[in-house]
């Protein structure tokens, strides 16, 4: 009933199989096609959408609500500015009245303050972001079209949601399968105790 994802942004990261350096018109057409299919499959959507791609994502999701996730420490510098927050777009009503400022989540790029394992993935998204999105927007199931190392799947396992993930890079898919299996077995152990 929801899509929860952090797509590639076409900024030249090395994901392996995926070309993250497409000409802008090719990237725009590709991400629009993926989003269109996702919208066909699920009424609720949550897409991490960085400020430098916000104009494009707002044309795809014009009715979306902006979510802001502030950094707890100074972030990386981009074009002379210290990056102090991340952004996401949510389509659909949340399960309960929720703030659109998601505080107290450590983000990649906060140096030693960020302690999550990234599994060598260049676009890793922190688990608390995906858990919050899953909890607010899904009741039963989640589709993640850019599985990466399985963070959204782990969030679903932790929250008891069904999950479908899609990943083209075999090494990340293998990591995702191990992480999700581990999360599911830990959830079963906690329930069984």
Protein backbone atom coordinates (compact mmCIF):
# COMPACT_ATOMS: atom_id res chain seq x y z
CA UNK A 1 0.00 0.00 0.00
CA UNK A 2 3.07 2.32 -0.02
CA UNK A 3 6.31 2.97 -1.88
CA UNK A 4 9.20 4.02 0.37
CA UNK A 5 12.44 4.77 -1.43
CA UNK A 6 15.67 6.71 -1.77
CA UNK A 7 16.38 6.73 -5.52
CA UNK A 8 19.68 7.49 -7.24
CA UNK A 9 20.02 11.24 -7.92
CA UNK A 10 22.22 11.15 -11.03
CA UNK A 11 25.21 12.76 -9.32
CA UNK A 12 27.92 10.37 -10.48
CA UNK A 13 27.99 7.91 -7.57
CA UNK A 14 29.41 4.48 -8.31
CA UNK A 15 26.56 2.04 -7.74
CA UNK A 16 28.11 -0.60 -9.96
CA UNK A 17 25.59 -1.57 -12.64
CA UNK A 18 23.47 1.61 -12.62
CA UNK A 19 24.79 4.62 -14.57
CA UNK A 20 24.42 7.57 -12.17
CA UNK A 21 25.76 10.07 -14.72
CA UNK A 22 23.03 10.14 -17.34
CA UNK A 23 22.29 13.27 -19.40
CA UNK A 24 19.68 15.25 -17.46
CA UNK A 25 16.85 14.59 -19.94
CA UNK A 26 17.53 10.83 -19.86
CA UNK A 27 17.60 10.79 -16.05
CA UNK A 28 14.38 12.85 -15.88
CA UNK A 29 12.59 10.50 -18.30
CA UNK A 30 13.85 7.43 -16.43
CA UNK A 31 12.92 8.61 -12.92
CA UNK A 32 9.52 9.81 -14.16
CA UNK A 33 8.84 6.37 -15.66
CA UNK A 34 9.81 4.61 -12.42
CA UNK A 35 7.70 7.02 -10.34
CA UNK A 36 4.74 6.60 -12.69
CA UNK A 37 4.83 2.84 -12.26
CA UNK A 38 5.19 3.23 -8.48
CA UNK A 39 2.17 5.53 -8.37
CA UNK A 40 0.18 2.94 -10.33
CA UNK A 41 1.08 0.29 -7.74
CA UNK A 42 0.58 2.18 -4.47
CA UNK A 43 -1.40 5.25 -3.39
CA UNK A 44 1.10 6.39 -0.76
CA UNK A 45 4.64 7.42 -1.66
CA UNK A 46 7.75 8.47 0.27
CA UNK A 47 10.76 9.55 -1.79
CA UNK A 48 13.98 11.00 -0.42
CA UNK A 49 14.37 14.00 -2.73
CA UNK A 50 17.46 16.19 -2.31
CA UNK A 51 17.18 19.95 -2.61
CA UNK A 52 19.29 19.98 -5.78
CA UNK A 53 16.72 17.72 -7.50
CA UNK A 54 13.61 19.13 -5.78
CA UNK A 55 12.25 20.94 -8.84
CA UNK A 56 12.19 17.68 -10.81
CA UNK A 57 10.64 15.66 -7.98
CA UNK A 58 7.94 18.27 -7.38
CA UNK A 59 6.89 18.01 -11.03
CA UNK A 60 6.54 14.24 -10.49
CA UNK A 61 4.77 14.61 -7.12
CA UNK A 62 3.11 18.07 -7.20
CA UNK A 63 0.74 17.18 -4.34
CA UNK A 64 3.53 15.91 -2.07
CA UNK A 65 4.20 17.16 1.42
CA UNK A 66 7.77 18.26 2.17
CA UNK A 67 9.57 16.49 5.05
CA UNK A 68 12.71 18.10 6.48
CA UNK A 69 15.32 16.10 8.41
CA UNK A 70 17.85 18.43 10.07
CA UNK A 71 21.43 17.41 10.71
CA UNK A 72 22.51 17.24 14.33
CA UNK A 73 26.08 18.22 13.34
CA UNK A 74 27.60 20.22 10.52
CA UNK A 75 27.14 18.46 7.21
CA UNK A 76 29.26 18.30 4.09
CA UNK A 77 29.93 21.46 2.09
CA UNK A 78 28.27 21.69 -1.32
CA UNK A 79 28.90 24.71 -3.53
CA UNK A 80 30.16 26.68 -0.54
CA UNK A 81 27.16 25.95 1.70
CA UNK A 82 27.15 23.68 4.74
CA UNK A 83 24.47 21.05 4.13
CA UNK A 84 22.29 21.23 7.26
CA UNK A 85 19.26 19.10 6.34
CA UNK A 86 17.87 16.39 4.08
CA UNK A 87 14.48 16.49 2.38
CA UNK A 88 11.84 13.96 1.38
CA UNK A 89 8.44 14.07 -0.27
CA UNK A 90 5.40 12.22 1.07
CA UNK A 91 2.17 11.59 -0.83
CA UNK A 92 -0.88 10.47 1.12
CA UNK A 93 -2.14 11.00 4.62
CA UNK A 94 0.01 9.67 7.48
CA UNK A 95 -1.38 7.12 9.95
CA UNK A 96 -1.63 9.88 12.56
CA UNK A 97 -0.98 13.63 12.73
CA UNK A 98 2.79 13.80 12.40
CA UNK A 99 5.25 16.71 12.25
CA UNK A 100 7.04 17.33 8.98
CA UNK A 101 10.28 18.19 10.79
CA UNK A 102 11.93 14.87 11.73
CA UNK A 103 14.43 15.67 14.47
CA UNK A 104 17.00 13.52 16.25
CA UNK A 105 17.96 11.37 13.27
CA UNK A 106 21.67 11.13 12.55
CA UNK A 107 22.53 11.49 8.87
CA UNK A 108 25.38 10.19 6.79
CA UNK A 109 27.97 12.98 6.54
CA UNK A 110 27.86 13.91 10.24
CA UNK A 111 31.29 12.40 10.85
CA UNK A 112 31.67 10.35 14.01
CA UNK A 113 28.12 11.23 15.10
CA UNK A 114 26.76 8.91 12.38
CA UNK A 115 27.36 5.39 13.66
CA UNK A 116 25.25 3.20 11.34
CA UNK A 117 26.99 0.67 9.12
CA UNK A 118 26.64 1.76 5.46
CA UNK A 119 27.66 -1.62 3.98
CA UNK A 120 29.83 0.13 1.39
CA UNK A 121 26.83 1.65 -0.38
CA UNK A 122 27.41 5.20 -1.66
CA UNK A 123 23.78 6.25 -1.14
CA UNK A 124 22.97 4.66 2.23
CA UNK A 125 19.89 6.07 3.98
CA UNK A 126 19.65 5.90 7.80
CA UNK A 127 17.29 3.24 9.19
CA UNK A 128 15.31 5.68 11.42
CA UNK A 129 14.19 7.65 8.34
CA UNK A 130 12.87 4.57 6.59
CA UNK A 131 11.27 3.20 9.78
CA UNK A 132 9.41 6.46 10.33
CA UNK A 133 8.24 6.58 6.69
CA UNK A 134 7.07 2.94 6.78
CA UNK A 135 5.30 3.45 10.10
CA UNK A 136 3.51 6.62 8.94
CA UNK A 137 2.54 5.62 5.41
CA UNK A 138 2.00 1.85 5.26
CA UNK A 139 -0.45 -0.44 6.96
CA UNK A 140 0.36 -3.72 5.23
CA UNK A 141 3.07 -3.66 2.59
CA UNK A 142 5.88 -1.61 1.07
CA UNK A 143 7.55 -1.57 -2.32
CA UNK A 144 11.16 -0.33 -2.54
CA UNK A 145 12.23 0.02 -6.21
CA UNK A 146 15.83 0.91 -5.24
CA UNK A 147 16.59 -1.69 -2.56
CA UNK A 148 20.28 -0.95 -2.13
CA UNK A 149 21.48 -2.75 0.99
CA UNK A 150 17.95 -3.34 2.28
CA UNK A 151 17.37 -0.57 4.82
CA UNK A 152 13.69 -0.21 3.89
CA UNK A 153 13.29 -3.99 4.10
CA UNK A 154 14.84 -4.01 7.57
CA UNK A 155 12.42 -1.23 8.58
CA UNK A 156 9.51 -3.35 7.31
CA UNK A 157 10.74 -6.43 9.18
CA UNK A 158 11.08 -4.38 12.36
CA UNK A 159 7.54 -3.03 11.96
CA UNK A 160 5.82 -6.22 10.76
CA UNK A 161 5.09 -5.06 7.21
CA UNK A 162 5.23 -7.18 4.07
CA UNK A 163 7.95 -6.06 1.70
CA UNK A 164 9.01 -6.20 -1.95
CA UNK A 165 12.43 -4.85 -2.91
CA UNK A 166 14.03 -4.44 -6.32
CA UNK A 167 17.82 -4.16 -6.80
CA UNK A 168 19.94 -4.60 -9.96
CA UNK A 169 23.37 -4.73 -8.28
CA UNK A 170 23.99 -8.30 -7.10
CA UNK A 171 26.40 -7.44 -4.27
CA UNK A 172 23.91 -5.00 -2.72
CA UNK A 173 21.05 -7.45 -3.23
CA UNK A 174 23.01 -10.14 -1.34
CA UNK A 175 23.71 -7.73 1.53
CA UNK A 176 20.02 -6.73 1.59
CA UNK A 177 18.89 -10.36 1.77
CA UNK A 178 21.21 -11.06 4.71
CA UNK A 179 20.15 -7.88 6.57
CA UNK A 180 16.42 -8.47 6.06
CA UNK A 181 16.69 -12.16 7.04
CA UNK A 182 18.55 -11.18 10.21
CA UNK A 183 15.97 -8.51 11.06
CA UNK A 184 13.13 -10.97 10.48
CA UNK A 185 14.74 -13.63 12.68
CA UNK A 186 15.34 -11.08 15.47
CA UNK A 187 11.73 -9.93 15.25
CA UNK A 188 10.52 -13.55 15.48
CA UNK A 189 12.77 -14.15 18.50
CA UNK A 190 11.39 -11.08 20.28
CA UNK A 191 7.81 -12.14 19.56
CA UNK A 192 8.51 -15.71 20.67
CA UNK A 193 10.10 -14.75 23.99
